[in-house]
């Protein structure tokens, strides 16, 4: 047994590393954490074995104070990598999360103590039956449903592995209650190494959290190479280089990435040097129950329309960013923040992790709140989905109508709200209302006939609103043509969008 002590203060080192020598074979490693409760969210624990391999990485937060590294996913705490405990020198790191230290610590200081032993303890929050990192591998081709249809999920969620309050198993119960088909856990700078068995399709993800903004990576089953550098250097000028490197790595490995809540309060996107030609996804609706969400989400939708108007294909995604327990409310909110609110609907030809990534890449996505929605387009007897490009070679083809079929269904679980949807068609930034036909108490439909007007660049999308409840639905654009913009970076675009 050995005890390690780390002292945390605002102007001290945010990355403190100590070692423990493992001299003989042991079945499991037991790590007991002693930290003042009020500061638990400020710190990460990172453990590397004698081979330099990550064996535990998590935010201390609301999680268990005894962490176990064992032989398999059911004998290893969430955030750990199961397997043999090799002899040699192990590294134990306590990293103070710079963003929270600056916001919450002030002039105070505190100690973190780790007691490392081979004691046998029960695992309160295990990795789960599935292990994605370690002896087993994540199966991108596992088929959860063979139907070709719209599937419902959430691209931005949190558990107790970072600063969420729910266990993975409880998160799944909530997701099932919300009727979700897929779920993406995106912890702050931490990657889940596995997951409990569930009928919901779970896709690995991570939220890269920096002082210049937050972005999600989807489909990553390995730790991004610069993640520890981001934790070490957050708040310094070097962080912009680490963000850029991580974005390049994601592109090279064909991981998808998306800017989170770009205009939300103190978490807005501030990496202004981001090249717009590399930006493909942006979260346009983030946790609508949060006090700053309404204006931030409206700005995100306005900005993504601005990017489309300038010729950039950037698809909108939704994310609940859910952190809380089911019975909690943000100040001023009359409903809980839960996975699936908003929902992101993705059209897939059979639900597999691989198909999800492919469909999102094509922009086959609708973001909704309180409703489910289906949208299809017909042009020259061919069927298209939101996000698709229509090839038009001559002006004579404009005589052919573009027909859109829109179906809106009010969800059963609408918290007792009397919701009346209003449908709008946005063509090149110009909005006009479209009449809806009410088919029954919960279903509305519309067949919309429109035309293309220019050979160069044109886009159309649908939006659903409610006079009483605001945002209900965002349908990614269908488009044709190409347009070259003089705008190069995110910062330049924001300035022009703001009229500066």
Protein backbone atom coordinates (compact mmCIF):
# COMPACT_ATOMS: atom_id res chain seq x y z
CA UNK A 1 0.00 0.00 0.00
CA UNK A 2 1.29 3.48 -0.88
CA UNK A 3 -0.23 6.95 -0.43
CA UNK A 4 0.46 9.82 -2.85
CA UNK A 5 -0.34 13.45 -2.04
CA UNK A 6 -0.96 16.25 -4.56
CA UNK A 7 -1.46 19.94 -3.66
CA UNK A 8 -3.74 22.00 -5.92
CA UNK A 9 -3.79 25.80 -6.06
CA UNK A 10 -4.62 28.38 -8.72
CA UNK A 11 -1.04 29.36 -9.55
CA UNK A 12 0.44 25.89 -9.02
CA UNK A 13 1.14 23.13 -11.49
CA UNK A 14 -2.04 21.78 -13.07
CA UNK A 15 -0.30 18.50 -14.01
CA UNK A 16 1.27 16.58 -11.13
CA UNK A 17 2.76 13.14 -11.71
CA UNK A 18 3.94 10.57 -9.15
CA UNK A 19 4.96 6.92 -9.49
CA UNK A 20 4.41 3.61 -7.73
CA UNK A 21 6.56 0.50 -8.23
CA UNK A 22 4.63 -2.74 -8.75
CA UNK A 23 7.15 -5.41 -7.75
CA UNK A 24 5.10 -8.59 -8.02
CA UNK A 25 2.11 -10.03 -9.82
CA UNK A 26 -1.26 -8.76 -8.53
CA UNK A 27 -4.80 -9.56 -9.71
CA UNK A 28 -6.14 -6.02 -9.53
CA UNK A 29 -5.16 -2.46 -8.64
CA UNK A 30 -7.19 -0.55 -6.03
CA UNK A 31 -7.01 3.26 -6.01
CA UNK A 32 -8.77 5.13 -3.20
CA UNK A 33 -9.25 8.86 -3.74
CA UNK A 34 -9.46 11.36 -0.89
CA UNK A 35 -10.53 14.81 -2.12
CA UNK A 36 -12.76 17.56 -0.67
CA UNK A 37 -16.21 17.05 -2.17
CA UNK A 38 -16.53 20.66 -3.27
CA UNK A 39 -13.41 20.38 -5.46
CA UNK A 40 -13.95 16.94 -7.00
CA UNK A 41 -15.03 18.39 -10.36
CA UNK A 42 -11.76 20.29 -10.66
CA UNK A 43 -9.55 17.23 -11.05
CA UNK A 44 -8.84 14.37 -13.42
CA UNK A 45 -7.01 11.19 -12.49
CA UNK A 46 -4.85 9.52 -15.14
CA UNK A 47 -3.05 6.22 -14.61
CA UNK A 48 -0.48 4.71 -16.98
CA UNK A 49 1.01 1.27 -16.48
CA UNK A 50 4.68 0.32 -16.73
CA UNK A 51 4.28 -0.10 -20.51
CA UNK A 52 3.06 3.48 -20.90
CA UNK A 53 -0.50 2.42 -21.61
CA UNK A 54 -3.53 4.34 -20.31
CA UNK A 55 -5.23 2.20 -17.65
CA UNK A 56 -7.51 4.77 -16.01
CA UNK A 57 -8.63 8.21 -17.12
CA UNK A 58 -11.63 10.02 -15.65
CA UNK A 59 -12.78 13.21 -14.04
CA UNK A 60 -13.15 12.60 -10.30
CA UNK A 61 -16.42 14.55 -10.20
CA UNK A 62 -19.49 12.68 -8.96
CA UNK A 63 -18.04 9.23 -9.51
CA UNK A 64 -16.85 6.58 -7.03
CA UNK A 65 -13.91 7.28 -4.77
CA UNK A 66 -12.53 3.76 -5.12
CA UNK A 67 -11.32 2.88 -8.60
CA UNK A 68 -10.45 -0.66 -9.65
CA UNK A 69 -8.36 -1.89 -12.57
CA UNK A 70 -9.13 -5.60 -13.02
CA UNK A 71 -9.21 -8.49 -15.44
CA UNK A 72 -12.33 -7.55 -17.44
CA UNK A 73 -14.96 -4.86 -17.90
CA UNK A 74 -17.09 -6.04 -14.99
CA UNK A 75 -14.08 -5.93 -12.63
CA UNK A 76 -12.81 -2.52 -13.80
CA UNK A 77 -14.24 0.90 -12.97
CA UNK A 78 -15.63 2.96 -15.88
CA UNK A 79 -12.81 4.84 -17.53
CA UNK A 80 -10.36 2.01 -16.93
CA UNK A 81 -8.78 -0.41 -19.36
CA UNK A 82 -9.09 -3.99 -18.13
CA UNK A 83 -6.38 -6.61 -18.35
CA UNK A 84 -3.17 -7.82 -16.75
CA UNK A 85 -1.39 -5.66 -14.14
CA UNK A 86 2.24 -5.64 -15.35
CA UNK A 87 5.11 -5.18 -12.91
CA UNK A 88 7.25 -2.07 -13.07
CA UNK A 89 6.81 1.65 -12.48
CA UNK A 90 3.26 2.99 -12.85
CA UNK A 91 2.45 6.69 -13.25
CA UNK A 92 -0.37 8.38 -11.32
CA UNK A 93 -1.37 11.85 -12.50
CA UNK A 94 -3.70 14.38 -10.93
CA UNK A 95 -4.58 17.08 -13.44
CA UNK A 96 -6.45 20.20 -12.38
CA UNK A 97 -8.98 21.17 -15.06
CA UNK A 98 -7.89 24.73 -15.91
CA UNK A 99 -11.36 25.95 -16.94
CA UNK A 100 -12.91 24.95 -13.60
CA UNK A 101 -9.91 26.10 -11.54
CA UNK A 102 -10.21 29.61 -12.96
CA UNK A 103 -14.00 29.66 -12.46
CA UNK A 104 -14.32 28.02 -9.03
CA UNK A 105 -11.14 27.78 -6.95
CA UNK A 106 -10.28 31.42 -6.31
CA UNK A 107 -7.46 31.81 -3.78
CA UNK A 108 -8.22 28.51 -2.06
CA UNK A 109 -6.10 25.36 -2.23
CA UNK A 110 -6.60 21.69 -1.35
CA UNK A 111 -4.92 18.28 -1.29
CA UNK A 112 -5.75 15.14 -3.25
CA UNK A 113 -4.57 11.84 -1.79
CA UNK A 114 -4.39 8.54 -3.66
CA UNK A 115 -3.92 5.29 -1.78
CA UNK A 116 -2.76 2.52 -4.12
CA UNK A 117 -3.00 -1.15 -3.13
CA UNK A 118 -4.05 -4.60 -4.30
CA UNK A 119 -7.06 -4.73 -1.97
CA UNK A 120 -10.11 -6.56 -3.28
CA UNK A 121 -13.17 -4.30 -3.56
CA UNK A 122 -16.46 -4.50 -5.39
CA UNK A 123 -16.73 -2.36 -8.51
CA UNK A 124 -19.60 0.09 -8.10
CA UNK A 125 -19.59 1.52 -11.63
CA UNK A 126 -17.95 -0.97 -13.99
CA UNK A 127 -16.92 -0.41 -17.59
CA UNK A 128 -19.64 -2.91 -18.49
CA UNK A 129 -20.07 -6.07 -20.49
CA UNK A 130 -18.73 -4.49 -23.69
CA UNK A 131 -15.04 -3.54 -23.83
CA UNK A 132 -14.10 -1.29 -26.75
CA UNK A 133 -10.49 -0.70 -25.77
CA UNK A 134 -8.33 -3.57 -24.63
CA UNK A 135 -8.66 -7.23 -25.54
CA UNK A 136 -11.92 -6.68 -27.43
CA UNK A 137 -12.63 -4.17 -30.21
CA UNK A 138 -15.59 -1.96 -31.01
CA UNK A 139 -17.72 -3.50 -33.76
CA UNK A 140 -18.60 -0.79 -36.28
CA UNK A 141 -20.59 -3.25 -38.41
CA UNK A 142 -22.85 -4.68 -35.70
CA UNK A 143 -26.41 -4.55 -37.00
CA UNK A 144 -29.01 -3.31 -34.49
CA UNK A 145 -31.87 -2.95 -36.98
CA UNK A 146 -32.10 -3.80 -40.68
CA UNK A 147 -34.86 -1.33 -41.57
CA UNK A 148 -34.19 1.71 -43.76
CA UNK A 149 -35.76 4.58 -41.85
CA UNK A 150 -35.20 7.60 -39.60
CA UNK A 151 -33.56 6.71 -36.27
CA UNK A 152 -33.57 8.84 -33.12
CA UNK A 153 -30.53 9.60 -30.98
CA UNK A 154 -28.37 12.10 -29.13
CA UNK A 155 -24.88 13.33 -30.09
CA UNK A 156 -23.90 15.11 -26.86
CA UNK A 157 -24.29 13.42 -23.46
CA UNK A 158 -22.45 13.03 -20.15
CA UNK A 159 -22.17 10.47 -17.35
CA UNK A 160 -20.21 10.26 -14.10
CA UNK A 161 -17.07 9.48 -16.08
CA UNK A 162 -16.71 13.25 -16.39
CA UNK A 163 -19.04 15.83 -14.82
CA UNK A 164 -22.40 14.16 -15.39
CA UNK A 165 -24.43 12.82 -12.47
CA UNK A 166 -25.81 9.60 -13.97
CA UNK A 167 -24.20 6.19 -14.21
CA UNK A 168 -24.03 4.61 -17.65
CA UNK A 169 -26.78 2.15 -16.77
CA UNK A 170 -29.14 4.86 -15.55
CA UNK A 171 -28.34 6.93 -18.63
CA UNK A 172 -29.50 4.00 -20.76
CA UNK A 173 -32.74 3.71 -18.81
CA UNK A 174 -33.47 7.38 -19.49
CA UNK A 175 -32.55 6.99 -23.16
CA UNK A 176 -34.88 4.01 -23.53
CA UNK A 177 -37.68 5.98 -21.88
CA UNK A 178 -37.11 8.76 -24.45
CA UNK A 179 -37.48 6.24 -27.27
CA UNK A 180 -33.92 6.61 -28.51
CA UNK A 181 -32.28 4.24 -30.98
CA UNK A 182 -28.67 5.43 -30.61
CA UNK A 183 -26.61 7.31 -28.05
CA UNK A 184 -23.18 8.97 -28.14
CA UNK A 185 -21.42 9.51 -24.77
CA UNK A 186 -19.14 12.55 -25.07
CA UNK A 187 -17.27 13.09 -21.82
CA UNK A 188 -15.02 16.08 -21.22
CA UNK A 189 -11.52 15.01 -22.36
CA UNK A 190 -12.23 11.38 -21.37
CA UNK A 191 -13.05 8.39 -23.54
CA UNK A 192 -15.28 5.53 -22.39
CA UNK A 193 -13.38 2.24 -22.74
CA UNK A 194 -16.58 0.21 -22.93
CA UNK A 195 -20.28 0.18 -22.13
CA UNK A 196 -22.96 -1.97 -20.48
CA UNK A 197 -25.03 -4.26 -22.67
CA UNK A 198 -28.06 -2.41 -24.02
CA UNK A 199 -30.45 -2.61 -26.95
CA UNK A 200 -29.56 1.00 -27.80
CA UNK A 201 -26.70 1.44 -30.26
CA UNK A 202 -23.87 3.30 -28.52
CA UNK A 203 -21.15 5.02 -30.54
CA UNK A 204 -17.89 6.02 -28.79
CA UNK A 205 -17.20 9.74 -28.59
CA UNK A 206 -15.38 12.40 -26.60
CA UNK A 207 -15.84 16.13 -25.98
CA UNK A 208 -12.57 17.99 -26.37
CA UNK A 209 -12.90 20.78 -23.83
CA UNK A 210 -10.58 23.80 -23.99
CA UNK A 211 -10.53 27.49 -23.16
CA UNK A 212 -11.04 28.19 -26.89
CA UNK A 213 -14.23 26.17 -27.13
CA UNK A 214 -15.57 22.64 -27.05
CA UNK A 215 -15.93 20.13 -29.89
CA UNK A 216 -17.16 16.56 -30.06
CA UNK A 217 -15.45 13.70 -31.84
CA UNK A 218 -17.61 10.76 -32.94
CA UNK A 219 -16.47 7.23 -33.68
CA UNK A 220 -13.10 7.36 -31.94
CA UNK A 221 -12.02 4.17 -30.15
CA UNK A 222 -8.60 5.47 -29.21
CA UNK A 223 -7.50 8.44 -27.16
CA UNK A 224 -6.74 11.49 -29.35
CA UNK A 225 -2.99 11.91 -29.44
CA UNK A 226 -2.85 15.42 -28.00
CA UNK A 227 -5.45 14.97 -25.29
CA UNK A 228 -2.95 14.98 -22.42
CA UNK A 229 -1.30 18.07 -23.94
CA UNK A 230 -4.69 19.80 -23.99
CA UNK A 231 -5.16 18.99 -20.31
CA UNK A 232 -1.64 20.24 -19.52
CA UNK A 233 -1.72 23.45 -21.51
CA UNK A 234 -5.33 24.60 -21.46
CA UNK A 235 -5.47 28.36 -20.95
CA UNK A 236 -2.15 29.03 -22.67
CA UNK A 237 -1.46 30.24 -26.22
CA UNK A 238 -0.29 26.77 -27.19
CA UNK A 239 -3.81 25.40 -26.87
CA UNK A 240 -4.74 26.67 -30.34
CA UNK A 241 -2.02 24.44 -31.82
CA UNK A 242 -3.34 21.45 -29.87
CA UNK A 243 -6.90 22.08 -31.08
CA UNK A 244 -5.69 22.32 -34.68
CA UNK A 245 -3.63 19.14 -34.34
CA UNK A 246 -6.58 17.24 -32.86
CA UNK A 247 -8.89 18.37 -35.67
CA UNK A 248 -6.33 17.21 -38.24
CA UNK A 249 -5.97 13.87 -36.47
CA UNK A 250 -9.74 13.38 -36.50
CA UNK A 251 -9.88 14.08 -40.24
CA UNK A 252 -6.98 11.73 -40.96
CA UNK A 253 -8.55 8.89 -38.95
CA UNK A 254 -12.01 9.59 -40.42
CA UNK A 255 -13.48 10.46 -37.04
CA UNK A 256 -16.28 13.00 -37.36
CA UNK A 257 -16.08 16.19 -35.30
CA UNK A 258 -18.53 18.95 -34.57
CA UNK A 259 -18.30 22.36 -32.87
CA UNK A 260 -20.42 22.41 -29.71
CA UNK A 261 -22.71 25.28 -28.58
CA UNK A 262 -20.76 27.88 -30.66
CA UNK A 263 -22.45 30.92 -29.09
CA UNK A 264 -23.29 29.69 -25.59
CA UNK A 265 -22.34 32.06 -22.77
CA UNK A 266 -18.77 31.49 -21.47
CA UNK A 267 -18.41 28.25 -23.48
CA UNK A 268 -18.71 29.83 -26.93
CA UNK A 269 -16.32 28.87 -29.73
CA UNK A 270 -13.25 31.12 -29.71
CA UNK A 271 -10.80 29.24 -31.91
CA UNK A 272 -11.25 31.84 -34.62
CA UNK A 273 -8.42 30.54 -36.81
CA UNK A 274 -10.41 27.42 -37.67
CA UNK A 275 -10.47 27.09 -41.46
CA UNK A 276 -14.05 27.06 -42.70
CA UNK A 277 -13.19 24.60 -45.48
CA UNK A 278 -12.55 22.00 -42.74
CA UNK A 279 -15.80 22.62 -40.82
CA UNK A 280 -18.53 20.11 -41.65
CA UNK A 281 -20.71 19.87 -38.52
CA UNK A 282 -21.96 22.29 -35.90
CA UNK A 283 -24.29 21.82 -32.96
CA UNK A 284 -27.21 24.14 -33.66
CA UNK A 285 -29.46 23.12 -30.73
CA UNK A 286 -27.84 22.50 -27.35
CA UNK A 287 -29.79 21.69 -24.15
CA UNK A 288 -32.84 23.95 -24.65
CA UNK A 289 -33.66 23.82 -20.91
CA UNK A 290 -30.51 25.78 -19.97
CA UNK A 291 -30.95 29.46 -19.09
CA UNK A 292 -28.69 30.82 -21.85
CA UNK A 293 -29.77 28.32 -24.51
CA UNK A 294 -32.52 30.18 -26.39
CA UNK A 295 -30.46 33.04 -27.76
CA UNK A 296 -27.37 30.86 -28.24
CA UNK A 297 -29.32 28.31 -30.30
CA UNK A 298 -31.03 31.00 -32.35
CA UNK A 299 -27.61 32.49 -33.11
CA UNK A 300 -26.25 29.08 -34.10
CA UNK A 301 -29.09 28.54 -36.60
CA UNK A 302 -28.66 32.07 -37.97
CA UNK A 303 -24.91 31.54 -38.34
CA UNK A 304 -25.17 28.16 -40.05
CA UNK A 305 -27.62 29.70 -42.56
CA UNK A 306 -25.05 32.47 -43.10
CA UNK A 307 -22.39 29.84 -43.86
CA UNK A 308 -24.68 28.10 -46.35
CA UNK A 309 -25.39 31.45 -48.00
CA UNK A 310 -21.64 31.81 -48.53
CA UNK A 311 -21.29 28.37 -50.07
CA UNK A 312 -20.13 26.32 -47.09
CA UNK A 313 -21.71 22.89 -46.53
CA UNK A 314 -21.97 22.69 -42.74
CA UNK A 315 -24.57 20.31 -41.37
CA UNK A 316 -26.44 21.00 -38.13
CA UNK A 317 -26.62 18.49 -35.28
CA UNK A 318 -28.44 18.48 -31.95
CA UNK A 319 -27.17 17.61 -28.49
CA UNK A 320 -28.90 17.45 -25.12
CA UNK A 321 -25.59 18.03 -23.31
CA UNK A 322 -27.42 16.32 -20.47
CA UNK A 323 -25.60 16.32 -17.11
CA UNK A 324 -28.34 16.21 -14.49
CA UNK A 325 -30.46 13.68 -12.65
CA UNK A 326 -34.01 13.21 -13.89
CA UNK A 327 -35.58 15.15 -11.01
CA UNK A 328 -33.29 18.19 -11.35
CA UNK A 329 -34.04 21.45 -13.14
CA UNK A 330 -31.84 24.34 -14.19
CA UNK A 331 -32.80 27.66 -12.62
CA UNK A 332 -35.95 28.93 -14.31
CA UNK A 333 -36.55 25.69 -16.24
CA UNK A 334 -39.94 23.94 -16.08
CA UNK A 335 -38.67 20.61 -17.44
CA UNK A 336 -35.61 18.40 -16.97
CA UNK A 337 -32.49 18.23 -19.11
CA UNK A 338 -32.58 14.65 -20.45
CA UNK A 339 -30.93 12.65 -23.25
CA UNK A 340 -32.90 12.99 -26.46
CA UNK A 341 -34.00 16.60 -25.88
CA UNK A 342 -33.29 17.72 -28.52
CA UNK A 343 -33.32 14.58 -30.62
CA UNK A 344 -31.18 14.12 -33.69
CA UNK A 345 -32.92 12.02 -36.34
CA UNK A 346 -30.66 10.26 -38.83
CA UNK A 347 -31.81 8.31 -41.90
CA UNK A 348 -29.92 5.01 -42.16
CA UNK A 349 -30.18 1.99 -44.44
CA UNK A 350 -30.00 -0.33 -41.45
CA UNK A 351 -28.72 0.84 -38.07
CA UNK A 352 -25.03 0.09 -37.57
CA UNK A 353 -22.33 2.37 -36.11
CA UNK A 354 -20.70 2.52 -39.54
CA UNK A 355 -23.98 3.50 -41.23
CA UNK A 356 -24.59 6.18 -38.62
CA UNK A 357 -21.25 7.84 -39.40
CA UNK A 358 -21.87 7.58 -43.16
CA UNK A 359 -25.37 9.06 -42.90
CA UNK A 360 -24.24 11.96 -40.73
CA UNK A 361 -21.41 12.65 -43.19
CA UNK A 362 -24.04 13.07 -45.90
CA UNK A 363 -26.16 15.40 -43.75
CA UNK A 364 -29.12 13.01 -43.63
CA UNK A 365 -30.11 14.65 -40.37
CA UNK A 366 -33.08 16.40 -38.76
CA UNK A 367 -32.95 17.99 -35.29
CA UNK A 368 -36.21 18.09 -33.32
CA UNK A 369 -37.78 18.96 -30.01
CA UNK A 370 -41.25 17.72 -28.91
CA UNK A 371 -41.80 16.19 -32.36
CA UNK A 372 -40.56 13.49 -34.70
CA UNK A 373 -40.28 14.36 -38.35
CA UNK A 374 -39.71 12.80 -41.76
CA UNK A 375 -38.73 14.71 -44.89
CA UNK A 376 -38.10 13.41 -48.43
CA UNK A 377 -37.51 15.21 -51.72
CA UNK A 378 -38.40 14.13 -55.27
CA UNK A 379 -36.67 15.65 -58.29
CA UNK A 380 -36.82 14.20 -61.82
CA UNK A 381 -38.27 10.97 -60.38
CA UNK A 382 -35.33 10.52 -58.02
CA UNK A 383 -35.67 10.55 -54.23
CA UNK A 384 -33.33 12.67 -52.10
CA UNK A 385 -32.79 13.24 -48.40
CA UNK A 386 -31.81 16.32 -46.40
CA UNK A 387 -28.13 17.04 -46.98
CA UNK A 388 -28.09 15.66 -50.52
CA UNK A 389 -26.65 17.53 -53.49
CA UNK A 390 -28.80 17.58 -56.64
CA UNK A 391 -26.82 17.77 -59.86
CA UNK A 392 -28.27 20.26 -62.35
CA UNK A 393 -26.43 20.70 -65.64
CA UNK A 394 -28.57 23.23 -67.49
CA UNK A 395 -31.13 25.98 -66.87
CA UNK A 396 -33.75 23.99 -68.75
CA UNK A 397 -33.89 21.58 -65.83
CA UNK A 398 -35.31 24.37 -63.64
CA UNK A 399 -38.68 23.72 -65.27
CA UNK A 400 -38.89 20.49 -63.28
CA UNK A 401 -40.49 20.83 -59.86
CA UNK A 402 -38.76 19.89 -56.63
CA UNK A 403 -41.38 18.19 -54.44
CA UNK A 404 -40.91 17.77 -50.71
CA UNK A 405 -42.98 15.54 -48.45
CA UNK A 406 -43.00 16.58 -44.79
CA UNK A 407 -44.58 14.63 -41.94
CA UNK A 408 -44.63 16.00 -38.39
CA UNK A 409 -45.80 13.95 -35.43
CA UNK A 410 -46.17 15.44 -31.95
CA UNK A 411 -44.47 13.21 -29.37
CA UNK A 412 -46.65 11.58 -26.75
CA UNK A 413 -44.35 12.74 -23.95
CA UNK A 414 -44.74 16.49 -24.45
CA UNK A 415 -44.97 17.37 -20.75
CA UNK A 416 -48.66 18.29 -21.11
CA UNK A 417 -48.02 21.00 -23.70
CA UNK A 418 -50.56 21.90 -26.37
CA UNK A 419 -48.17 22.17 -29.32
CA UNK A 420 -49.25 23.53 -32.70
CA UNK A 421 -46.44 23.30 -35.28
CA UNK A 422 -45.78 25.91 -37.95
CA UNK A 423 -43.72 24.89 -41.00
CA UNK A 424 -41.36 27.21 -42.85
CA UNK A 425 -39.35 26.79 -46.04
CA UNK A 426 -36.04 28.66 -46.06
CA UNK A 427 -34.66 29.23 -49.57
CA UNK A 428 -31.25 30.91 -49.70
CA UNK A 429 -31.97 32.55 -46.36
CA UNK A 430 -35.48 33.77 -47.23
CA UNK A 431 -38.21 32.28 -45.03
CA UNK A 432 -41.82 31.67 -45.98
CA UNK A 433 -44.57 29.83 -44.13
CA UNK A 434 -46.01 26.62 -45.56
CA UNK A 435 -49.52 25.47 -44.71
CA UNK A 436 -49.86 22.20 -42.80
CA UNK A 437 -52.71 19.72 -43.03
CA UNK A 438 -53.74 18.17 -39.71
CA UNK A 439 -54.34 14.46 -40.22
CA UNK A 440 -55.13 13.50 -36.61
CA UNK A 441 -54.55 14.81 -33.09
CA UNK A 442 -50.79 14.39 -33.35
CA UNK A 443 -49.96 14.26 -37.07
CA UNK A 444 -49.45 17.09 -39.56
CA UNK A 445 -48.39 16.82 -43.20
CA UNK A 446 -47.44 18.98 -46.16
CA UNK A 447 -46.49 18.42 -49.78
CA UNK A 448 -44.38 21.34 -50.91
CA UNK A 449 -43.70 22.18 -54.56
CA UNK A 450 -40.86 24.54 -55.37
CA UNK A 451 -38.27 25.20 -58.09
CA UNK A 452 -34.60 26.00 -58.45
CA UNK A 453 -33.77 29.50 -59.64
CA UNK A 454 -30.06 29.69 -60.39
CA UNK A 455 -27.48 27.39 -61.94
CA UNK A 456 -24.66 28.39 -59.56
CA UNK A 457 -25.57 27.77 -55.91
CA UNK A 458 -28.86 27.31 -54.12
CA UNK A 459 -30.03 25.66 -50.92
CA UNK A 460 -33.37 24.96 -49.28
CA UNK A 461 -34.27 23.67 -45.84
CA UNK A 462 -37.30 23.35 -43.57
CA UNK A 463 -37.82 24.65 -40.05
CA UNK A 464 -40.65 23.95 -37.61
CA UNK A 465 -41.58 26.46 -34.91
CA UNK A 466 -44.31 26.99 -32.35
CA UNK A 467 -45.67 30.37 -31.25
CA UNK A 468 -45.76 29.21 -27.65
CA UNK A 469 -42.72 26.92 -27.44
CA UNK A 470 -40.27 28.18 -30.05
CA UNK A 471 -38.01 25.70 -31.83
CA UNK A 472 -39.49 22.34 -32.88
CA UNK A 473 -37.45 21.19 -35.88
CA UNK A 474 -34.47 21.88 -38.17
CA UNK A 475 -34.05 19.99 -41.45
CA UNK A 476 -30.59 20.15 -43.01
CA UNK A 477 -30.53 21.74 -46.47
CA UNK A 478 -30.81 20.09 -49.83
CA UNK A 479 -28.75 21.99 -52.42
CA UNK A 480 -27.20 22.17 -55.83
CA UNK A 481 -24.26 23.94 -57.41
CA UNK A 482 -21.10 25.37 -55.86
CA UNK A 483 -20.06 28.76 -54.56
CA UNK A 484 -16.62 30.04 -53.70
CA UNK A 485 -16.42 32.34 -50.70
CA UNK A 486 -13.79 34.92 -49.80
CA UNK A 487 -14.25 34.00 -46.14
CA UNK A 488 -11.47 31.74 -44.88
CA UNK A 489 -11.75 31.37 -41.11
CA UNK A 490 -14.43 31.04 -38.45
CA UNK A 491 -13.40 34.41 -36.99
CA UNK A 492 -13.78 36.20 -40.32
CA UNK A 493 -17.21 34.68 -40.79
CA UNK A 494 -18.40 35.72 -37.32
CA UNK A 495 -17.31 39.32 -37.96
CA UNK A 496 -19.19 39.53 -41.26
CA UNK A 497 -22.23 37.75 -39.78
CA UNK A 498 -22.32 40.29 -36.94
CA UNK A 499 -21.89 43.16 -39.40
CA UNK A 500 -18.62 44.31 -37.86
